[in-house]
Amino acid sequence: MADIKTKAQGLDANVKARNITAMVEPTNNIYETLAIITKRAKQLAIDLKHELHSKLEEFAVNTDTIEEITENKEQIEISKFYERLPNPTLIATEEFIKGEIHHHYNDKRRRQ
């Protein structure tokens, strides 16, 4: 996995129109293109979730009462950073357009 955070920071977090014809070119099928982007987006979402949880575990404190909850500015900044990242689907779409996603068929014959 290339550093997702570095790759995603340069992306616009807003959705924008795409040229569908150009996106479909590598697979010749819109459904295959969407399936590839969807699988990659799921991988990215899982990786980002695990990374965020591992960073936030450092701040985990076992307390018995609700009154003992404290605010940690570093924890808040980490959470805000991950919230500002583009949606994993946008990251995956950009990777697909740039040709950074490798895809292949499990069976020997290529579907037409």
C-alpha atoms as a PDB file:
ATOM      1  CA  MET A   1       0.000   0.000   0.000  1.00  0.00           C
ATOM      2  CA  ALA A   2       1.410   3.354  -1.026  1.00  0.00           C
ATOM      3  CA  ASP A   3       0.905   6.016   1.580  1.00  0.00           C
ATOM      4  CA  ILE A   4      -2.821   6.670   1.213  1.00  0.00           C
ATOM      5  CA  LYS A   5      -2.747   9.859   3.264  1.00  0.00           C
ATOM      6  CA  THR A   6      -0.070  11.449   1.078  1.00  0.00           C
ATOM      7  CA  LYS A   7      -1.893  10.463  -2.089  1.00  0.00           C
ATOM      8  CA  ALA A   8      -5.255  11.658  -0.790  1.00  0.00           C
ATOM      9  CA  GLN A   9      -4.121  15.025   0.525  1.00  0.00           C
ATOM     10  CA  GLY A  10      -3.608  16.373  -2.988  1.00  0.00           C
ATOM     11  CA  LEU A  11      -7.085  15.345  -4.108  1.00  0.00           C
ATOM     12  CA  ASP A  12     -10.143  17.536  -4.110  1.00  0.00           C
ATOM     13  CA  ALA A  13     -12.596  16.187  -1.541  1.00  0.00           C
ATOM     14  CA  ASN A  14     -15.538  17.300  -3.669  1.00  0.00           C
ATOM     15  CA  VAL A  15     -17.208  15.119  -6.270  1.00  0.00           C
ATOM     16  CA  LYS A  16     -16.697  16.213  -9.858  1.00  0.00           C
ATOM     17  CA  ALA A  17     -17.944  15.063 -13.246  1.00  0.00           C
ATOM     18  CA  ARG A  18     -15.871  12.409 -15.027  1.00  0.00           C
ATOM     19  CA  ASN A  19     -15.576  11.337 -18.640  1.00  0.00           C
ATOM     20  CA  ILE A  20     -17.231   7.916 -18.541  1.00  0.00           C
ATOM     21  CA  THR A  21     -15.956   6.940 -21.987  1.00  0.00           C
ATOM     22  CA  ALA A  22     -12.352   7.452 -20.882  1.00  0.00           C
ATOM     23  CA  MET A  23     -12.931   5.608 -17.615  1.00  0.00           C
ATOM     24  CA  VAL A  24     -14.403   2.569 -19.376  1.00  0.00           C
ATOM     25  CA  GLU A  25     -11.566   2.344 -21.902  1.00  0.00           C
ATOM     26  CA  PRO A  26      -9.310  -0.073 -19.917  1.00  0.00           C
ATOM     27  CA  THR A  27     -12.104  -2.627 -19.368  1.00  0.00           C
ATOM     28  CA  ASN A  28     -14.585  -1.880 -22.177  1.00  0.00           C
ATOM     29  CA  ASN A  29     -17.363  -2.379 -19.634  1.00  0.00           C
ATOM     30  CA  ILE A  30     -18.800   0.184 -17.218  1.00  0.00           C
ATOM     31  CA  TYR A  31     -19.822  -2.493 -14.718  1.00  0.00           C
ATOM     32  CA  GLU A  32     -16.330  -3.978 -14.571  1.00  0.00           C
ATOM     33  CA  THR A  33     -14.871  -0.511 -14.136  1.00  0.00           C
ATOM     34  CA  LEU A  34     -17.249   0.209 -11.262  1.00  0.00           C
ATOM     35  CA  ALA A  35     -16.537  -3.190  -9.680  1.00  0.00           C
ATOM     36  CA  ILE A  36     -12.785  -2.519  -9.753  1.00  0.00           C
ATOM     37  CA  ILE A  37     -13.189   0.961  -8.256  1.00  0.00           C
ATOM     38  CA  THR A  38     -15.594  -0.377  -5.614  1.00  0.00           C
ATOM     39  CA  LYS A  39     -13.224  -3.156  -4.523  1.00  0.00           C
ATOM     40  CA  ARG A  40     -10.336  -0.724  -4.240  1.00  0.00           C
ATOM     41  CA  ALA A  41     -12.476   1.777  -2.314  1.00  0.00           C
ATOM     42  CA  LYS A  42     -13.393  -0.954   0.187  1.00  0.00           C
ATOM     43  CA  GLN A  43      -9.700  -1.817   0.627  1.00  0.00           C
ATOM     44  CA  LEU A  44      -8.852   1.846   1.209  1.00  0.00           C
ATOM     45  CA  ALA A  45     -11.705   2.293   3.698  1.00  0.00           C
ATOM     46  CA  ILE A  46     -10.560  -0.727   5.715  1.00  0.00           C
ATOM     47  CA  ASP A  47      -6.918   0.405   5.683  1.00  0.00           C
ATOM     48  CA  LEU A  48      -7.806   3.938   6.764  1.00  0.00           C
ATOM     49  CA  LYS A  49     -10.114   2.644   9.489  1.00  0.00           C
ATOM     50  CA  HIS A  50      -7.424   0.345  10.917  1.00  0.00           C
ATOM     51  CA  GLU A  51      -4.852   3.120  10.773  1.00  0.00           C
ATOM     52  CA  LEU A  52      -7.145   5.597  12.527  1.00  0.00           C
ATOM     53  CA  HIS A  53      -8.094   3.098  15.238  1.00  0.00           C
ATOM     54  CA  SER A  54      -4.457   2.204  15.884  1.00  0.00           C
ATOM     55  CA  LYS A  55      -3.579   5.893  16.315  1.00  0.00           C
ATOM     56  CA  LEU A  56      -6.565   6.552  18.579  1.00  0.00           C
ATOM     57  CA  GLU A  57      -5.800   3.491  20.743  1.00  0.00           C
ATOM     58  CA  GLU A  58      -2.817   5.412  22.109  1.00  0.00           C
ATOM     59  CA  PHE A  59      -5.261   7.768  23.790  1.00  0.00           C
ATOM     60  CA  ALA A  60      -7.610   5.103  25.114  1.00  0.00           C
ATOM     61  CA  VAL A  61      -8.014   5.284  28.875  1.00  0.00           C
ATOM     62  CA  ASN A  62     -10.094   2.823  30.836  1.00  0.00           C
ATOM     63  CA  THR A  63     -12.274   4.805  33.188  1.00  0.00           C
ATOM     64  CA  ASP A  64     -15.135   3.652  35.339  1.00  0.00           C
ATOM     65  CA  THR A  65     -17.205   6.804  35.312  1.00  0.00           C
ATOM     66  CA  ILE A  66     -18.394   9.145  32.615  1.00  0.00           C
ATOM     67  CA  GLU A  67     -17.304  12.185  34.610  1.00  0.00           C
ATOM     68  CA  GLU A  68     -13.630  11.332  34.101  1.00  0.00           C
ATOM     69  CA  ILE A  69     -13.685  11.869  30.308  1.00  0.00           C
ATOM     70  CA  THR A  70     -11.061  14.392  29.285  1.00  0.00           C
ATOM     71  CA  GLU A  71     -10.549  16.234  26.034  1.00  0.00           C
ATOM     72  CA  ASN A  72      -7.273  15.545  24.270  1.00  0.00           C
ATOM     73  CA  LYS A  73      -6.368  18.117  21.599  1.00  0.00           C
ATOM     74  CA  GLU A  74      -3.979  15.757  19.794  1.00  0.00           C
ATOM     75  CA  GLN A  75      -6.699  13.114  19.526  1.00  0.00           C
ATOM     76  CA  ILE A  76      -9.109  15.706  18.135  1.00  0.00           C
ATOM     77  CA  GLU A  77      -6.550  16.841  15.534  1.00  0.00           C
ATOM     78  CA  ILE A  78      -5.980  13.248  14.377  1.00  0.00           C
ATOM     79  CA  SER A  79      -9.720  12.715  14.028  1.00  0.00           C
ATOM     80  CA  LYS A  80     -10.164  15.967  12.100  1.00  0.00           C
ATOM     81  CA  PHE A  81      -7.316  15.047   9.751  1.00  0.00           C
ATOM     82  CA  TYR A  82      -8.990  11.763   8.828  1.00  0.00           C
ATOM     83  CA  GLU A  83     -12.372  13.469   8.462  1.00  0.00           C
ATOM     84  CA  ARG A  84     -10.909  15.921   5.933  1.00  0.00           C
ATOM     85  CA  LEU A  85      -9.496  13.163   3.725  1.00  0.00           C
ATOM     86  CA  PRO A  86     -11.457  12.520   0.541  1.00  0.00           C
ATOM     87  CA  ASN A  87     -13.913   9.645   0.479  1.00  0.00           C
ATOM     88  CA  PRO A  88     -12.202   6.293  -0.350  1.00  0.00           C
ATOM     89  CA  THR A  89     -14.340   6.069  -3.499  1.00  0.00           C
ATOM     90  CA  LEU A  90     -12.884   9.350  -4.764  1.00  0.00           C
ATOM     91  CA  ILE A  91      -9.359   8.137  -4.028  1.00  0.00           C
ATOM     92  CA  ALA A  92     -10.014   4.818  -5.798  1.00  0.00           C
ATOM     93  CA  THR A  93     -11.540   6.571  -8.816  1.00  0.00           C
ATOM     94  CA  GLU A  94      -8.502   8.809  -9.135  1.00  0.00           C
ATOM     95  CA  GLU A  95      -6.172   5.792  -8.845  1.00  0.00           C
ATOM     96  CA  PHE A  96      -8.123   4.004 -11.587  1.00  0.00           C
ATOM     97  CA  ILE A  97      -7.998   7.003 -13.919  1.00  0.00           C
ATOM     98  CA  LYS A  98      -4.237   7.339 -13.409  1.00  0.00           C
ATOM     99  CA  GLY A  99      -3.772   3.603 -14.090  1.00  0.00           C
ATOM    100  CA  GLU A 100      -2.475   2.842 -10.594  1.00  0.00           C
ATOM    101  CA  ILE A 101      -4.868  -0.062  -9.974  1.00  0.00           C
ATOM    102  CA  HIS A 102      -3.837  -3.457 -11.288  1.00  0.00           C
ATOM    103  CA  HIS A 103      -6.768  -5.724 -12.133  1.00  0.00           C
ATOM    104  CA  HIS A 104      -7.047  -9.150 -13.726  1.00  0.00           C
ATOM    105  CA  TYR A 105      -9.514 -11.967 -14.183  1.00  0.00           C
ATOM    106  CA  ASN A 106      -9.337 -15.083 -12.050  1.00  0.00           C
ATOM    107  CA  ASP A 107     -10.218 -17.358 -14.952  1.00  0.00           C
ATOM    108  CA  LYS A 108      -7.982 -17.737 -18.016  1.00  0.00           C
ATOM    109  CA  ARG A 109     -10.461 -16.423 -20.566  1.00  0.00           C
ATOM    110  CA  ARG A 110     -11.178 -12.723 -20.792  1.00  0.00           C
ATOM    111  CA  ARG A 111     -14.861 -11.844 -20.824  1.00  0.00           C
ATOM    112  CA  GLN A 112     -16.084  -9.770 -23.758  1.00  0.00           C
END
